[in-house]
C-alpha atoms as a PDB file:
ATOM      1  CA  MET A   1       8.502  25.010  43.326  1.00  0.00           C
ATOM      2  CA  THR A   2       8.233  21.243  43.033  1.00  0.00           C
ATOM      3  CA  GLU A   3       8.881  19.773  39.627  1.00  0.00           C
ATOM      4  CA  ASP A   4       7.059  16.677  38.382  1.00  0.00           C
ATOM      5  CA  PRO A   5       9.068  13.436  38.478  1.00  0.00           C
ATOM      6  CA  TRP A   6      11.097  12.839  35.348  1.00  0.00           C
ATOM      7  CA  ARG A   7       8.918   9.901  34.264  1.00  0.00           C
ATOM      8  CA  ALA A   8       5.784  12.063  34.302  1.00  0.00           C
ATOM      9  CA  ARG A   9       7.590  14.820  32.391  1.00  0.00           C
ATOM     10  CA  PHE A  10       8.844  12.286  29.861  1.00  0.00           C
ATOM     11  CA  ARG A  11       5.365  10.807  29.311  1.00  0.00           C
ATOM     12  CA  ARG A  12       3.844  14.270  28.894  1.00  0.00           C
ATOM     13  CA  GLU A  13       6.487  15.316  26.361  1.00  0.00           C
ATOM     14  CA  ASP A  14       6.317  11.970  24.576  1.00  0.00           C
ATOM     15  CA  GLU A  15       2.550  12.425  24.112  1.00  0.00           C
ATOM     16  CA  LEU A  16       3.179  15.918  22.750  1.00  0.00           C
ATOM     17  CA  VAL A  17       5.752  14.592  20.262  1.00  0.00           C
ATOM     18  CA  GLU A  18       3.262  11.974  19.044  1.00  0.00           C
ATOM     19  CA  GLN A  19       0.558  14.642  18.597  1.00  0.00           C
ATOM     20  CA  LEU A  20       2.941  16.914  16.716  1.00  0.00           C
ATOM     21  CA  GLN A  21       4.117  14.104  14.449  1.00  0.00           C
ATOM     22  CA  SER A  22       0.507  13.280  13.622  1.00  0.00           C
ATOM     23  CA  GLN A  23      -0.252  16.930  12.867  1.00  0.00           C
ATOM     24  CA  LEU A  24       2.868  17.168  10.711  1.00  0.00           C
ATOM     25  CA  ALA A  25       1.856  14.089   8.703  1.00  0.00           C
ATOM     26  CA  GLU A  26      -1.578  15.561   8.046  1.00  0.00           C
ATOM     27  CA  ALA A  27      -0.103  18.957   7.111  1.00  0.00           C
ATOM     28  CA  LEU A  28       2.302  17.306   4.657  1.00  0.00           C
ATOM     29  CA  LYS A  29      -0.620  15.521   2.963  1.00  0.00           C
ATOM     30  CA  ARG A  30      -2.593  18.758   2.681  1.00  0.00           C
ATOM     31  CA  ARG A  31       0.488  20.598   1.392  1.00  0.00           C
ATOM     32  CA  GLY A  32       1.150  17.883  -1.187  1.00  0.00           C
ATOM     33  CA  GLN A  33      -2.426  18.063  -2.373  1.00  0.00           C
ATOM     34  CA  ALA A  34      -2.253  21.851  -2.623  1.00  0.00           C
ATOM     35  CA  LEU A  35       0.884  21.518  -4.732  1.00  0.00           C
ATOM     36  CA  ALA A  36      -0.832  18.929  -6.940  1.00  0.00           C
ATOM     37  CA  ASP A  37      -3.733  21.354  -7.373  1.00  0.00           C
ATOM     38  CA  GLY A  38      -1.215  24.041  -8.325  1.00  0.00           C
ATOM     39  CA  LYS A  39       0.318  21.681 -10.860  1.00  0.00           C
ATOM     40  CA  ALA A  40      -3.119  21.043 -12.361  1.00  0.00           C
ATOM     41  CA  GLU A  41      -3.771  24.779 -12.548  1.00  0.00           C
ATOM     42  CA  LEU A  42      -0.382  25.881 -13.855  1.00  0.00           C
ATOM     43  CA  GLY A  43       0.363  22.847 -16.012  1.00  0.00           C
ATOM     44  CA  SER A  44       3.590  21.544 -14.484  1.00  0.00           C
ATOM     45  CA  SER A  45       5.600  21.053 -11.315  1.00  0.00           C
ATOM     46  CA  TYR A  46       8.197  23.382 -12.793  1.00  0.00           C
ATOM     47  CA  ALA A  47       5.627  26.180 -13.086  1.00  0.00           C
ATOM     48  CA  VAL A  48       4.556  25.651  -9.466  1.00  0.00           C
ATOM     49  CA  ALA A  49       8.174  25.732  -8.308  1.00  0.00           C
ATOM     50  CA  LYS A  50       8.857  28.907 -10.253  1.00  0.00           C
ATOM     51  CA  ASP A  51       5.689  30.568  -8.914  1.00  0.00           C
ATOM     52  CA  LEU A  52       6.599  29.697  -5.318  1.00  0.00           C
ATOM     53  CA  GLY A  53      10.319  30.370  -5.650  1.00  0.00           C
ATOM     54  CA  ARG A  54      11.159  26.824  -4.615  1.00  0.00           C
ATOM     55  CA  SER A  55      13.213  24.126  -6.262  1.00  0.00           C
ATOM     56  CA  TYR A  56      11.524  21.871  -8.792  1.00  0.00           C
ATOM     57  CA  THR A  57      12.820  18.794  -6.972  1.00  0.00           C
ATOM     58  CA  VAL A  58      11.248  19.773  -3.651  1.00  0.00           C
ATOM     59  CA  ILE A  59       7.892  20.492  -5.300  1.00  0.00           C
ATOM     60  CA  ASN A  60       7.868  17.382  -7.459  1.00  0.00           C
ATOM     61  CA  ASP A  61       8.913  15.106  -4.575  1.00  0.00           C
ATOM     62  CA  ALA A  62       6.210  16.540  -2.302  1.00  0.00           C
ATOM     63  CA  ILE A  63       3.565  15.972  -4.965  1.00  0.00           C
ATOM     64  CA  LYS A  64       4.683  12.405  -5.541  1.00  0.00           C
ATOM     65  CA  LYS A  65       4.994  11.527  -1.881  1.00  0.00           C
ATOM     66  CA  TYR A  66       2.082  13.313  -0.256  1.00  0.00           C
ATOM     67  CA  SER A  67      -0.677  13.983  -2.784  1.00  0.00           C
ATOM     68  CA  THR A  68      -3.386  11.703  -4.085  1.00  0.00           C
ATOM     69  CA  GLU A  69      -2.544  12.697  -7.668  1.00  0.00           C
END
C-alpha cells in the first residue's frame, strides 16, 4: 500500500482542521444563543445553569461571548 506524500497528507488534514474550526465557531454561536434563549425563558443565567447542571460562570460567559443578546 502506497501512502500519499507527507505534504499532501498535511494539506488534507490542514483543510479538515480549518473546516472543523469553522463548524466549531458556528456551533458555539448557536449554543450561546440557545443559552440566551434559556435565560430569557427562565429569568437568569443562574437558573439556566441550575437547570443544565452546569456552572453559572460557564453559562454566563458563553452567553456573553457567543450570543447576540
